[in-house]
């Protein structure tokens, strides 16, 4: 059975009525007047009205607070949505719904709490990104203040767009950090290689740049100052490396010159092989540890000083050695060394110590250099001269072979001799072209250099010209011999017709003797194509000729003498021809006298 509910207002009225009834009973017992009773009732009404008014004010205030809380929640919710870049949540107003203010507030609060939670998460994301950005910036720009301050996040803009912008900025800074770290590591590697070559403490060098660079496991500084300091250190060490490399290469050059000068044994040179093999190396090729250290360079320098001291003690011997080298070089290149009376006097003065041997050695080295340079330009012509000389020797052998009456006799090795004779004839046929080409080359060489091309002190063009003249004379001599033999053959044939086929022993001997004499006149010529004229004078004789100013004049005077010998040979041939004609005249005169007697 249900209990009926009593209205609170009716209950209050019942209570107030019973109290007023009780109050009236009391007044009646007391005997209060009506005026007092009205006065007390008026006070009761006034007090009740005050209580009601206070209650109404409290209720209004509570309603205003609820409305304000709803408005604040809506404003905060809108602000959060605006800051996060999201669309505002739609909230229905209380006057447009049947719900109360408290219900409306209870509806807004969960949404607000959800948005606040999302805002806090978004703010933490911003805080992490901003903190990483500040940290990388502090590493790049070496700003220590950023590490001690909390990251500042602009809570008015927590949108995803802003977060993506910050993340892109963070990624760019991370790439820059990676590039800078890579650059720092490359600088450290370069610095390490330079320190190894130069023999410098790498750890001390990098600690002077920045203490973090010496820690292999810790974070390395990537600031602009650190990178600039590393670049400066590398530049300084690179300049030092180039200076020391040039110094070492100069020492190596001096060492090689001293080795060559004093014929240093190979075993002794092996100790500094790593120095001399890098004499022409570039900067990046020198990577051997301690190769350019101050200690090692001083060690090489001490060796050079030792060699120079040894050179000074052996300078006199070296001067004579270089002088001999110059003479050998001139002898090999068929040149006559220039006579220098001052140099000869200086070499003699070395023994007394009056002349510095190094100065004389420099002069001889200069002459050797000049001779070597000229030898290169003479190489082609000298090779042609050697071929010409060899052809002339073959021509001489061929002449001797042709004069041999038993050359066609079958014997051991005869086929080889015939084969050589065939090759010699082919080579002799090329002699005119060889001489002409050699003369053209020599003439061009002389015009280019403005000096005469000499061969063992004799001008080569003069030798070639004399060779051509003698060759022509020999051809004429051969022609005269052939004509003479032809005439003798005709005389013998006529004699056989008149006196029979058996010639007189005396005439045959005379004919053979005349033929032998005529051949001997040709074979004994001084400038035969294979004879001694083409054999150049010995070097010691050429030295004496060079020192005599009348040598060329003497050679000029030899030619008339040779022409005189040639003329005497011509007169001998003419005399033989005249003797033959006289014999014919006597023969015909005898025949004519016989016919007259008959």
Protein backbone atom coordinates (compact mmCIF):
# COMPACT_ATOMS: atom_id res chain seq x y z
CA UNK A 1 0.00 0.00 0.00
CA UNK A 2 1.50 3.23 -1.11
CA UNK A 3 1.94 6.21 1.27
CA UNK A 4 0.40 9.40 -0.11
CA UNK A 5 2.94 12.12 -0.77
CA UNK A 6 2.38 15.41 1.05
CA UNK A 7 3.21 18.63 -0.76
CA UNK A 8 6.03 20.42 1.07
CA UNK A 9 4.24 23.78 0.70
CA UNK A 10 1.04 22.39 2.17
CA UNK A 11 3.09 20.83 4.93
CA UNK A 12 4.74 24.19 5.62
CA UNK A 13 1.38 25.96 5.61
CA UNK A 14 -0.04 23.40 8.00
CA UNK A 15 2.93 23.82 10.27
CA UNK A 16 2.74 27.61 10.14
CA UNK A 17 -1.06 27.51 10.79
CA UNK A 18 -0.64 25.25 13.79
CA UNK A 19 2.08 27.46 15.13
CA UNK A 20 -0.04 30.56 14.58
CA UNK A 21 -2.95 28.82 16.37
CA UNK A 22 -0.69 27.92 19.24
CA UNK A 23 0.61 31.52 19.31
CA UNK A 24 -2.95 32.82 19.55
CA UNK A 25 -3.68 30.51 22.48
CA UNK A 26 -0.60 31.86 24.20
CA UNK A 27 -1.61 35.44 23.49
CA UNK A 28 -5.04 34.73 24.85
CA UNK A 29 -3.59 33.35 28.03
CA UNK A 30 -1.19 36.26 28.29
CA UNK A 31 -3.83 38.77 27.39
CA UNK A 32 -2.01 40.52 24.59
CA UNK A 33 -3.87 43.30 22.95
CA UNK A 34 -4.86 43.23 19.37
CA UNK A 35 -2.43 45.98 18.55
CA UNK A 36 0.43 43.95 19.91
CA UNK A 37 -0.89 40.90 18.20
CA UNK A 38 -1.04 42.76 14.82
CA UNK A 39 2.38 44.18 15.39
CA UNK A 40 3.87 40.75 16.07
CA UNK A 41 2.09 39.25 13.05
CA UNK A 42 3.41 42.06 10.88
CA UNK A 43 6.93 41.32 12.10
CA UNK A 44 6.42 37.65 11.37
CA UNK A 45 5.30 38.46 7.84
CA UNK A 46 8.22 40.83 7.37
CA UNK A 47 10.71 38.24 8.60
CA UNK A 48 9.16 35.59 6.38
CA UNK A 49 9.41 37.93 3.43
CA UNK A 50 13.08 38.55 4.14
CA UNK A 51 13.71 34.84 4.29
CA UNK A 52 11.92 34.31 0.99
CA UNK A 53 13.81 37.16 -0.57
CA UNK A 54 17.13 35.72 0.52
CA UNK A 55 16.16 32.38 -0.84
CA UNK A 56 15.16 33.90 -4.15
CA UNK A 57 18.39 35.83 -4.36
CA UNK A 58 20.31 32.68 -3.64
CA UNK A 59 18.38 30.83 -6.31
CA UNK A 60 19.00 33.64 -8.83
CA UNK A 61 22.64 33.65 -7.99
CA UNK A 62 22.81 29.89 -8.45
CA UNK A 63 21.02 30.17 -11.77
CA UNK A 64 23.46 32.88 -12.88
CA UNK A 65 26.38 30.76 -11.84
CA UNK A 66 25.04 27.85 -13.80
CA UNK A 67 24.54 30.02 -16.83
CA UNK A 68 28.03 31.49 -16.41
CA UNK A 69 29.54 28.02 -16.03
CA UNK A 70 27.73 26.93 -19.18
CA UNK A 71 28.94 30.02 -21.02
CA UNK A 72 32.52 29.55 -19.77
CA UNK A 73 32.46 25.92 -20.75
CA UNK A 74 31.11 26.78 -24.17
CA UNK A 75 33.72 29.55 -24.56
CA UNK A 76 36.53 27.27 -23.43
CA UNK A 77 35.29 24.53 -25.69
CA UNK A 78 35.14 26.94 -28.61
CA UNK A 79 38.62 28.27 -27.78
CA UNK A 80 40.05 24.76 -27.64
CA UNK A 81 38.42 23.85 -30.93
CA UNK A 82 39.73 27.07 -32.45
CA UNK A 83 43.25 26.50 -31.10
CA UNK A 84 43.29 22.92 -32.38
CA UNK A 85 41.89 24.00 -35.71
CA UNK A 86 38.72 21.93 -35.41
CA UNK A 87 35.11 22.83 -36.01
CA UNK A 88 33.24 24.05 -32.85
CA UNK A 89 30.92 21.60 -31.05
CA UNK A 90 27.22 22.52 -31.46
CA UNK A 91 25.49 23.01 -28.02
CA UNK A 92 21.73 23.64 -27.84
CA UNK A 93 20.65 26.53 -25.61
CA UNK A 94 18.64 25.90 -22.47
CA UNK A 95 15.69 28.07 -23.54
CA UNK A 96 15.36 26.10 -26.76
CA UNK A 97 15.13 22.77 -24.96
CA UNK A 98 13.07 21.29 -22.14
CA UNK A 99 16.11 20.46 -20.12
CA UNK A 100 17.39 22.46 -17.15
CA UNK A 101 20.63 24.39 -16.84
CA UNK A 102 22.20 21.66 -14.77
CA UNK A 103 21.39 19.11 -17.44
CA UNK A 104 22.87 21.39 -20.06
CA UNK A 105 26.01 21.82 -17.96
CA UNK A 106 26.23 18.09 -17.44
CA UNK A 107 26.03 17.71 -21.24
CA UNK A 108 28.84 20.22 -21.94
CA UNK A 109 31.30 19.12 -19.26
CA UNK A 110 32.21 15.70 -20.79
CA UNK A 111 32.83 17.28 -24.16
CA UNK A 112 34.95 19.95 -22.53
CA UNK A 113 36.93 17.38 -20.59
CA UNK A 114 37.49 15.39 -23.79
CA UNK A 115 38.71 18.46 -25.65
CA UNK A 116 40.94 19.47 -22.75
CA UNK A 117 42.47 16.01 -22.76
CA UNK A 118 43.08 16.21 -26.51
CA UNK A 119 44.50 19.70 -26.10
CA UNK A 120 46.91 18.45 -23.44
CA UNK A 121 48.08 15.65 -25.71
CA UNK A 122 48.47 18.06 -28.61
CA UNK A 123 50.35 20.47 -26.38
CA UNK A 124 52.72 17.70 -25.30
CA UNK A 125 53.37 16.91 -28.95
CA UNK A 126 54.15 20.57 -29.62
CA UNK A 127 56.34 20.68 -26.53
CA UNK A 128 58.39 17.66 -27.66
CA UNK A 129 58.89 19.01 -31.18
CA UNK A 130 59.78 22.50 -29.95
CA UNK A 131 62.17 21.06 -27.38
CA UNK A 132 63.97 19.00 -30.05
CA UNK A 133 64.12 22.07 -32.32
CA UNK A 134 65.60 24.15 -29.53
CA UNK A 135 68.12 21.42 -28.70
CA UNK A 136 69.33 21.07 -32.30
CA UNK A 137 69.49 24.83 -32.67
CA UNK A 138 71.55 25.06 -29.53
CA UNK A 139 73.94 22.43 -30.95
CA UNK A 140 74.19 24.24 -34.27
CA UNK A 141 74.45 27.78 -32.96
CA UNK A 142 76.22 26.87 -29.69
CA UNK A 143 73.59 28.58 -27.50
CA UNK A 144 73.59 27.09 -23.99
CA UNK A 145 70.69 29.25 -22.77
CA UNK A 146 68.14 27.20 -24.69
CA UNK A 147 68.97 24.07 -22.73
CA UNK A 148 67.98 25.62 -19.38
CA UNK A 149 64.64 27.13 -20.44
CA UNK A 150 61.45 25.18 -20.90
CA UNK A 151 60.11 25.04 -24.42
CA UNK A 152 57.64 27.82 -25.16
CA UNK A 153 54.47 26.59 -26.88
CA UNK A 154 51.96 28.97 -28.39
CA UNK A 155 48.67 27.55 -27.05
CA UNK A 156 46.62 29.79 -29.28
CA UNK A 157 47.67 27.71 -32.27
CA UNK A 158 47.80 23.98 -31.66
CA UNK A 159 46.51 23.01 -35.06
CA UNK A 160 47.79 20.08 -37.03
CA UNK A 161 49.02 22.48 -39.71
CA UNK A 162 51.21 24.25 -37.18
CA UNK A 163 52.42 20.90 -35.85
CA UNK A 164 53.35 19.78 -39.37
CA UNK A 165 55.26 23.03 -39.89
CA UNK A 166 57.21 22.46 -36.70
CA UNK A 167 57.88 18.84 -37.65
CA UNK A 168 59.16 19.93 -41.08
CA UNK A 169 61.40 22.46 -39.36
CA UNK A 170 62.61 19.73 -37.04
CA UNK A 171 63.36 17.41 -39.97
CA UNK A 172 65.27 20.18 -41.75
CA UNK A 173 67.29 20.80 -38.60
CA UNK A 174 67.92 17.07 -38.23
CA UNK A 175 69.21 16.89 -41.79
CA UNK A 176 71.40 19.89 -41.18
CA UNK A 177 72.64 18.28 -37.99
CA UNK A 178 73.42 15.07 -39.87
CA UNK A 179 75.24 17.00 -42.60
CA UNK A 180 77.19 18.96 -40.03
CA UNK A 181 78.08 15.81 -38.14
CA UNK A 182 79.24 14.20 -41.37
CA UNK A 183 81.28 17.31 -42.16
CA UNK A 184 82.82 17.27 -38.69
CA UNK A 185 83.73 13.58 -39.04
CA UNK A 186 85.30 14.24 -42.45
CA UNK A 187 87.30 17.12 -40.97
CA UNK A 188 88.39 14.89 -38.11
CA UNK A 189 89.47 12.16 -40.56
CA UNK A 190 91.44 14.67 -42.64
CA UNK A 191 92.95 16.14 -39.50
CA UNK A 192 93.90 12.69 -38.26
CA UNK A 193 95.67 11.79 -41.54
CA UNK A 194 97.54 15.11 -41.50
CA UNK A 195 98.59 14.58 -37.90
CA UNK A 196 99.82 11.06 -38.72
CA UNK A 197 101.93 12.26 -41.65
CA UNK A 198 103.27 15.28 -39.74
CA UNK A 199 103.90 13.35 -36.53
CA UNK A 200 101.60 15.62 -34.45
CA UNK A 201 99.41 14.51 -31.50
CA UNK A 202 95.88 14.24 -32.89
CA UNK A 203 94.16 14.17 -29.47
CA UNK A 204 95.80 17.38 -28.36
CA UNK A 205 95.00 19.07 -31.66
CA UNK A 206 91.27 18.30 -31.54
CA UNK A 207 91.03 19.19 -27.85
CA UNK A 208 92.33 22.63 -28.71
CA UNK A 209 89.48 22.97 -31.19
CA UNK A 210 86.72 21.61 -28.91
CA UNK A 211 86.89 19.16 -25.97
CA UNK A 212 83.93 17.10 -27.25
CA UNK A 213 85.82 16.16 -30.43
CA UNK A 214 88.32 14.06 -28.54
CA UNK A 215 85.59 11.86 -27.02
CA UNK A 216 84.98 8.93 -29.37
CA UNK A 217 81.66 7.93 -27.74
CA UNK A 218 80.22 11.27 -26.65
CA UNK A 219 78.26 13.84 -28.62
CA UNK A 220 80.48 15.95 -30.82
CA UNK A 221 80.06 19.65 -31.28
CA UNK A 222 78.65 20.62 -34.67
CA UNK A 223 78.48 24.39 -34.20
CA UNK A 224 79.68 26.89 -36.74
CA UNK A 225 82.59 27.83 -34.52
CA UNK A 226 83.71 24.21 -34.23
CA UNK A 227 83.50 23.60 -37.99
CA UNK A 228 85.35 26.85 -38.71
CA UNK A 229 88.02 25.98 -36.16
CA UNK A 230 88.43 22.53 -37.70
CA UNK A 231 88.73 24.05 -41.20
CA UNK A 232 91.31 26.52 -39.90
CA UNK A 233 93.31 23.74 -38.24
CA UNK A 234 93.22 21.64 -41.42
CA UNK A 235 94.34 24.61 -43.51
CA UNK A 236 97.18 25.33 -41.11
CA UNK A 237 98.36 21.71 -41.08
CA UNK A 238 97.99 21.45 -44.85
CA UNK A 239 100.23 24.48 -45.34
CA UNK A 240 102.69 22.96 -42.90
CA UNK A 241 102.54 19.67 -44.81
CA UNK A 242 103.26 21.40 -48.13
CA UNK A 243 106.18 23.31 -46.59
CA UNK A 244 107.68 20.16 -45.10
CA UNK A 245 107.02 18.20 -48.31
CA UNK A 246 108.89 20.80 -50.39
CA UNK A 247 111.67 20.80 -47.84
CA UNK A 248 111.88 16.98 -47.93
CA UNK A 249 111.77 16.89 -51.75
CA UNK A 250 114.57 19.46 -51.93
CA UNK A 251 116.61 17.32 -49.56
CA UNK A 252 115.80 14.23 -51.67
CA UNK A 253 116.93 16.03 -54.83
CA UNK A 254 120.18 17.05 -53.20
CA UNK A 255 120.61 13.50 -51.91
CA UNK A 256 120.15 12.00 -55.38
CA UNK A 257 122.63 14.46 -56.88
CA UNK A 258 125.18 13.64 -54.20
CA UNK A 259 124.59 9.90 -54.66
CA UNK A 260 125.12 10.14 -58.40
CA UNK A 261 128.11 12.38 -57.91
CA UNK A 262 129.89 10.09 -55.50
CA UNK A 263 128.57 6.72 -56.76
CA UNK A 264 127.01 5.84 -53.43
CA UNK A 265 126.44 2.07 -53.05
CA UNK A 266 122.90 0.80 -53.51
CA UNK A 267 122.88 -0.73 -50.03
CA UNK A 268 123.42 2.71 -48.52
CA UNK A 269 120.75 4.24 -50.74
CA UNK A 270 118.14 1.70 -49.62
CA UNK A 271 118.00 3.36 -46.20
CA UNK A 272 116.42 6.45 -47.79
CA UNK A 273 114.50 4.76 -50.58
CA UNK A 274 111.16 5.95 -49.12
CA UNK A 275 112.44 9.53 -49.37
CA UNK A 276 113.73 9.49 -52.92
CA UNK A 277 110.74 7.57 -54.32
CA UNK A 278 108.49 10.49 -53.30
CA UNK A 279 110.64 13.16 -54.91
CA UNK A 280 107.93 14.01 -57.44
CA UNK A 281 104.89 12.99 -55.36
CA UNK A 282 101.97 15.36 -54.89
CA UNK A 283 100.52 16.41 -51.56
CA UNK A 284 97.70 13.84 -51.41
CA UNK A 285 100.11 10.98 -52.25
CA UNK A 286 102.12 11.37 -49.04
CA UNK A 287 100.19 9.35 -46.45
CA UNK A 288 102.89 7.33 -44.70
CA UNK A 289 102.88 7.96 -40.92
CA UNK A 290 105.61 10.30 -39.63
CA UNK A 291 106.84 10.80 -43.20
CA UNK A 292 106.88 14.57 -42.72
CA UNK A 293 107.60 14.71 -39.03
CA UNK A 294 110.15 17.21 -37.84
CA UNK A 295 112.30 14.44 -36.44
CA UNK A 296 112.39 12.49 -39.72
CA UNK A 297 113.15 15.60 -41.81
CA UNK A 298 115.98 16.50 -39.46
CA UNK A 299 117.28 12.94 -39.88
CA UNK A 300 117.26 13.28 -43.69
CA UNK A 301 118.81 16.73 -43.44
CA UNK A 302 121.61 15.35 -41.29
CA UNK A 303 122.29 12.71 -43.96
CA UNK A 304 122.46 15.40 -46.65
CA UNK A 305 124.89 17.42 -44.53
CA UNK A 306 127.00 14.30 -44.11
CA UNK A 307 127.03 13.71 -47.87
CA UNK A 308 127.92 17.34 -48.53
CA UNK A 309 130.81 17.10 -46.06
CA UNK A 310 131.92 13.91 -47.79
CA UNK A 311 131.57 15.66 -51.14
CA UNK A 312 133.76 18.53 -49.95
CA UNK A 313 136.46 16.07 -48.93
CA UNK A 314 136.26 14.27 -52.30
CA UNK A 315 135.75 17.34 -54.46
CA UNK A 316 139.12 17.11 -56.15
CA UNK A 317 138.46 13.49 -57.11
CA UNK A 318 134.99 14.42 -58.33
CA UNK A 319 136.32 17.21 -60.53
CA UNK A 320 138.68 14.85 -62.33
CA UNK A 321 135.92 12.24 -62.55
CA UNK A 322 133.51 14.70 -64.14
CA UNK A 323 136.22 15.88 -66.49
CA UNK A 324 136.79 12.28 -67.57
CA UNK A 325 133.02 11.84 -67.93
CA UNK A 326 132.89 14.88 -70.20
CA UNK A 327 135.68 13.51 -72.38
CA UNK A 328 134.04 10.08 -72.59
CA UNK A 329 130.74 11.66 -73.56
CA UNK A 330 132.41 13.73 -76.27
CA UNK A 331 134.24 10.65 -77.50
CA UNK A 332 131.01 8.66 -77.74
CA UNK A 333 129.26 11.45 -79.60
CA UNK A 334 132.26 12.04 -81.93
CA UNK A 335 132.77 15.54 -80.58
CA UNK A 336 135.96 17.32 -79.54
CA UNK A 337 135.63 18.91 -76.08
CA UNK A 338 136.23 22.61 -76.09
CA UNK A 339 139.64 23.50 -74.78
CA UNK A 340 139.37 25.83 -71.85
CA UNK A 341 142.75 27.06 -70.71
CA UNK A 342 141.20 28.68 -67.64
CA UNK A 343 139.55 25.41 -66.68
CA UNK A 344 142.77 23.48 -67.20
CA UNK A 345 144.61 25.99 -65.06
CA UNK A 346 141.90 25.77 -62.40
CA UNK A 347 142.13 21.97 -62.33
CA UNK A 348 145.86 22.28 -61.79
CA UNK A 349 145.25 24.88 -59.08
CA UNK A 350 142.94 22.50 -57.19
CA UNK A 351 145.95 20.59 -55.95
CA UNK A 352 147.34 23.71 -54.35
CA UNK A 353 143.94 24.70 -52.91
CA UNK A 354 143.91 28.07 -54.62
CA UNK A 355 140.62 27.42 -56.46
CA UNK A 356 137.25 26.32 -55.08
CA UNK A 357 136.56 22.86 -56.58
CA UNK A 358 132.77 23.35 -56.41
CA UNK A 359 132.98 26.21 -58.90
CA UNK A 360 135.00 24.11 -61.31
CA UNK A 361 132.55 21.23 -60.84
CA UNK A 362 129.63 23.49 -61.74
CA UNK A 363 131.39 24.55 -64.96
CA UNK A 364 132.05 20.95 -65.93
CA UNK A 365 128.43 20.00 -65.11
CA UNK A 366 127.29 22.85 -67.36
CA UNK A 367 129.49 21.59 -70.20
CA UNK A 368 128.18 18.05 -69.71
CA UNK A 369 124.63 19.34 -69.90
CA UNK A 370 125.38 21.22 -73.11
CA UNK A 371 127.07 18.18 -74.65
CA UNK A 372 124.12 15.95 -73.73
CA UNK A 373 121.70 18.43 -75.22
CA UNK A 374 123.68 18.64 -78.46
CA UNK A 375 124.11 14.85 -78.53
CA UNK A 376 120.33 14.45 -78.75
CA UNK A 377 120.22 16.62 -81.85
CA UNK A 378 123.21 14.77 -83.39
CA UNK A 379 121.82 11.30 -82.72
CA UNK A 380 120.00 10.82 -86.03
CA UNK A 381 122.91 12.11 -88.12
CA UNK A 382 125.44 9.99 -86.21
CA UNK A 383 123.33 6.89 -86.81
CA UNK A 384 123.36 7.66 -90.53
CA UNK A 385 127.13 8.23 -90.42
CA UNK A 386 127.62 4.83 -88.78
CA UNK A 387 125.54 3.21 -91.51
CA UNK A 388 127.59 5.05 -94.15
CA UNK A 389 130.84 3.89 -92.55
CA UNK A 390 129.58 0.32 -92.45
CA UNK A 391 128.61 0.52 -96.14
CA UNK A 392 132.07 1.86 -96.99
CA UNK A 393 133.68 -1.05 -95.17
CA UNK A 394 131.51 -3.44 -97.17
CA UNK A 395 132.58 -1.62 -100.33
CA UNK A 396 136.26 -2.06 -99.41
CA UNK A 397 135.71 -5.75 -98.75
CA UNK A 398 133.86 -6.09 -102.08
CA UNK A 399 136.80 -4.51 -103.95
CA UNK A 400 139.22 -6.89 -102.30
CA UNK A 401 136.89 -9.74 -103.14
CA UNK A 402 136.63 -8.70 -106.80
CA UNK A 403 140.44 -8.58 -107.08
CA UNK A 404 140.70 -12.13 -105.80
CA UNK A 405 141.22 -14.41 -108.86
CA UNK A 406 140.23 -17.49 -106.85
CA UNK A 407 136.92 -16.10 -105.61
CA UNK A 408 134.89 -18.52 -107.74
CA UNK A 409 136.80 -21.61 -106.64
CA UNK A 410 134.58 -24.05 -104.83
CA UNK A 411 135.66 -24.39 -101.22
CA UNK A 412 134.45 -24.50 -97.68
CA UNK A 413 132.27 -21.45 -96.91
CA UNK A 414 132.30 -20.22 -100.52
CA UNK A 415 128.52 -19.97 -100.62
CA UNK A 416 128.58 -17.72 -97.56
CA UNK A 417 131.18 -15.48 -99.21
CA UNK A 418 129.07 -15.28 -102.36
CA UNK A 419 126.02 -14.41 -100.30
CA UNK A 420 127.91 -11.66 -98.50
CA UNK A 421 129.21 -10.33 -101.81
CA UNK A 422 125.65 -10.14 -103.13
CA UNK A 423 124.50 -8.21 -100.07
CA UNK A 424 127.56 -5.96 -100.29
CA UNK A 425 126.77 -5.09 -103.93
CA UNK A 426 123.18 -4.20 -102.98
CA UNK A 427 124.45 -2.03 -100.11
CA UNK A 428 127.10 -0.33 -102.28
CA UNK A 429 124.42 0.57 -104.82
CA UNK A 430 122.63 2.49 -102.04
CA UNK A 431 125.73 4.49 -101.13
CA UNK A 432 125.02 7.54 -103.37
CA UNK A 433 121.52 7.93 -101.92
CA UNK A 434 122.83 7.48 -98.38
CA UNK A 435 125.49 10.14 -98.90
CA UNK A 436 123.02 12.55 -100.46
CA UNK A 437 120.49 12.13 -97.62
CA UNK A 438 123.22 12.48 -95.01
CA UNK A 439 124.46 15.67 -96.66
CA UNK A 440 120.94 17.16 -96.69
CA UNK A 441 120.38 16.29 -93.03
CA UNK A 442 123.74 17.72 -92.05
CA UNK A 443 123.18 20.92 -94.01
CA UNK A 444 119.77 21.42 -92.40
CA UNK A 445 121.29 20.81 -88.95
CA UNK A 446 124.01 23.40 -89.56
CA UNK A 447 121.54 25.99 -90.82
CA UNK A 448 119.29 25.44 -87.83
CA UNK A 449 122.07 25.74 -85.25
CA UNK A 450 124.43 28.08 -87.05
CA UNK A 451 127.48 25.88 -86.39
CA UNK A 452 129.38 23.21 -88.33
CA UNK A 453 128.62 19.55 -87.74
CA UNK A 454 131.97 17.93 -86.97
CA UNK A 455 132.85 14.26 -86.75
CA UNK A 456 135.92 13.73 -84.59
CA UNK A 457 136.93 17.32 -85.25
CA UNK A 458 136.40 17.17 -89.05
CA UNK A 459 133.46 18.81 -90.72
CA UNK A 460 131.12 16.10 -91.94
CA UNK A 461 130.12 17.96 -95.11
CA UNK A 462 133.79 18.21 -96.07
CA UNK A 463 134.17 14.48 -95.56
CA UNK A 464 131.12 13.80 -97.71
CA UNK A 465 132.28 16.20 -100.41
CA UNK A 466 135.74 14.61 -100.48
CA UNK A 467 134.15 11.17 -100.59
CA UNK A 468 132.04 12.16 -103.61
CA UNK A 469 135.11 13.59 -105.40
CA UNK A 470 137.15 10.49 -104.75
CA UNK A 471 134.26 8.28 -105.82
CA UNK A 472 134.05 10.16 -109.12
CA UNK A 473 137.83 9.91 -109.58
CA UNK A 474 137.68 6.19 -108.90
CA UNK A 475 134.91 5.76 -111.44
CA UNK A 476 137.05 7.60 -113.99
CA UNK A 477 140.04 5.45 -113.06
CA UNK A 478 137.95 2.31 -113.55
CA UNK A 479 136.81 3.62 -116.93
CA UNK A 480 140.41 4.26 -117.96
CA UNK A 481 141.41 0.77 -116.87
CA UNK A 482 138.57 -0.73 -118.91
CA UNK A 483 139.63 1.31 -121.97
CA UNK A 484 143.25 0.33 -121.48
CA UNK A 485 142.33 -3.34 -121.18
CA UNK A 486 140.20 -3.06 -124.28
CA UNK A 487 143.10 -1.47 -126.22
CA UNK A 488 145.54 -4.12 -124.99
CA UNK A 489 143.10 -6.79 -126.06
CA UNK A 490 142.89 -5.29 -129.54
CA UNK A 491 146.72 -5.14 -129.79
CA UNK A 492 147.06 -8.74 -128.69
CA UNK A 493 144.40 -9.83 -131.20
CA UNK A 494 146.20 -8.04 -134.04
CA UNK A 495 149.49 -9.51 -132.89
CA UNK A 496 148.00 -12.99 -132.95
CA UNK A 497 146.75 -12.37 -136.49
CA UNK A 498 150.25 -11.40 -137.65
CA UNK A 499 152.50 -13.69 -135.59
CA UNK A 500 150.28 -16.58 -134.57
CA UNK A 501 148.13 -17.52 -131.64
CA UNK A 502 151.08 -17.95 -129.25
CA UNK A 503 152.23 -14.57 -128.00
CA UNK A 504 155.79 -13.79 -127.08
CA UNK A 505 156.61 -14.67 -123.48
CA UNK A 506 158.27 -11.31 -123.00
CA UNK A 507 155.23 -9.41 -124.32
CA UNK A 508 152.85 -11.49 -122.26
CA UNK A 509 154.86 -10.79 -119.16
CA UNK A 510 154.98 -7.11 -120.00
CA UNK A 511 151.22 -7.06 -120.57
CA UNK A 512 150.57 -8.79 -117.26
CA UNK A 513 153.02 -6.53 -115.54
CA UNK A 514 151.37 -3.46 -117.00
CA UNK A 515 147.95 -4.74 -116.02
CA UNK A 516 149.16 -5.50 -112.51
CA UNK A 517 150.69 -2.06 -112.24
CA UNK A 518 147.55 -0.36 -113.40
CA UNK A 519 145.41 -2.33 -110.93
CA UNK A 520 147.88 -1.66 -108.16
CA UNK A 521 147.66 2.04 -108.87
CA UNK A 522 143.95 1.88 -108.18
CA UNK A 523 144.04 -0.39 -105.14
CA UNK A 524 146.69 1.68 -103.40
CA UNK A 525 144.70 4.86 -103.55
CA UNK A 526 144.45 6.54 -100.13
CA UNK A 527 140.80 7.44 -100.45
CA UNK A 528 139.50 4.20 -101.89
CA UNK A 529 135.79 3.67 -101.10
CA UNK A 530 136.70 1.09 -98.47
CA UNK A 531 140.18 2.38 -97.77
CA UNK A 532 141.86 4.13 -94.94
CA UNK A 533 140.64 7.64 -95.85
CA UNK A 534 137.19 6.93 -94.43
CA UNK A 535 138.69 5.61 -91.25
CA UNK A 536 138.58 8.64 -88.98
CA UNK A 537 141.70 9.61 -87.03
CA UNK A 538 142.05 8.41 -83.47
CA UNK A 539 140.78 10.54 -80.63
CA UNK A 540 144.22 11.29 -79.17
CA UNK A 541 145.41 12.42 -82.59
CA UNK A 542 142.31 14.60 -82.93
CA UNK A 543 143.11 16.23 -79.61
CA UNK A 544 146.50 17.19 -80.91
CA UNK A 545 144.94 18.38 -84.17
CA UNK A 546 142.42 20.46 -82.24
CA UNK A 547 145.14 22.20 -80.34
CA UNK A 548 147.05 23.07 -83.58
CA UNK A 549 145.62 26.14 -85.33
CA UNK A 550 147.04 25.08 -88.73
CA UNK A 551 145.20 21.75 -88.85
CA UNK A 552 142.53 22.87 -91.32
CA UNK A 553 145.17 24.57 -93.45
CA UNK A 554 147.19 21.35 -93.44
CA UNK A 555 144.14 19.37 -94.63
CA UNK A 556 143.67 21.91 -97.41
CA UNK A 557 147.29 21.46 -98.40
CA UNK A 558 146.90 17.69 -98.55
CA UNK A 559 144.42 17.90 -101.41
CA UNK A 560 146.92 19.35 -103.95
CA UNK A 561 149.31 16.59 -102.95
CA UNK A 562 146.59 14.00 -103.56
CA UNK A 563 145.78 15.67 -106.87
CA UNK A 564 149.46 15.43 -107.72
CA UNK A 565 149.42 11.72 -107.00
CA UNK A 566 146.35 11.42 -109.15
CA UNK A 567 148.01 13.34 -111.95
CA UNK A 568 151.05 11.08 -111.67
CA UNK A 569 148.73 8.08 -112.00
CA UNK A 570 147.18 9.71 -115.06
CA UNK A 571 150.66 10.30 -116.53
CA UNK A 572 151.51 6.65 -115.88
CA UNK A 573 148.44 5.52 -117.81
CA UNK A 574 149.25 7.87 -120.68
CA UNK A 575 152.85 6.59 -120.74
CA UNK A 576 151.61 3.01 -120.98
CA UNK A 577 149.32 4.00 -123.85
CA UNK A 578 152.22 5.79 -125.60
CA UNK A 579 154.37 2.69 -125.21
CA UNK A 580 151.70 0.62 -126.86
CA UNK A 581 151.40 3.03 -129.76
CA UNK A 582 155.21 3.03 -130.18
CA UNK A 583 155.17 -0.77 -130.27
CA UNK A 584 152.52 -0.72 -132.99
CA UNK A 585 154.47 1.77 -135.06
CA UNK A 586 157.59 -0.39 -134.82
CA UNK A 587 155.55 -3.46 -135.74
CA UNK A 588 154.02 -1.89 -138.83
CA UNK A 589 157.40 -0.45 -139.86
CA UNK A 590 158.95 -3.95 -139.74
CA UNK A 591 156.16 -5.32 -141.96
CA UNK A 592 156.65 -2.47 -144.42
CA UNK A 593 160.46 -3.16 -144.62
CA UNK A 594 159.83 -6.85 -145.27
CA UNK A 595 157.55 -6.07 -148.19
CA UNK A 596 160.17 -3.70 -149.64
CA UNK A 597 162.85 -6.43 -149.62
CA UNK A 598 160.51 -8.72 -151.45
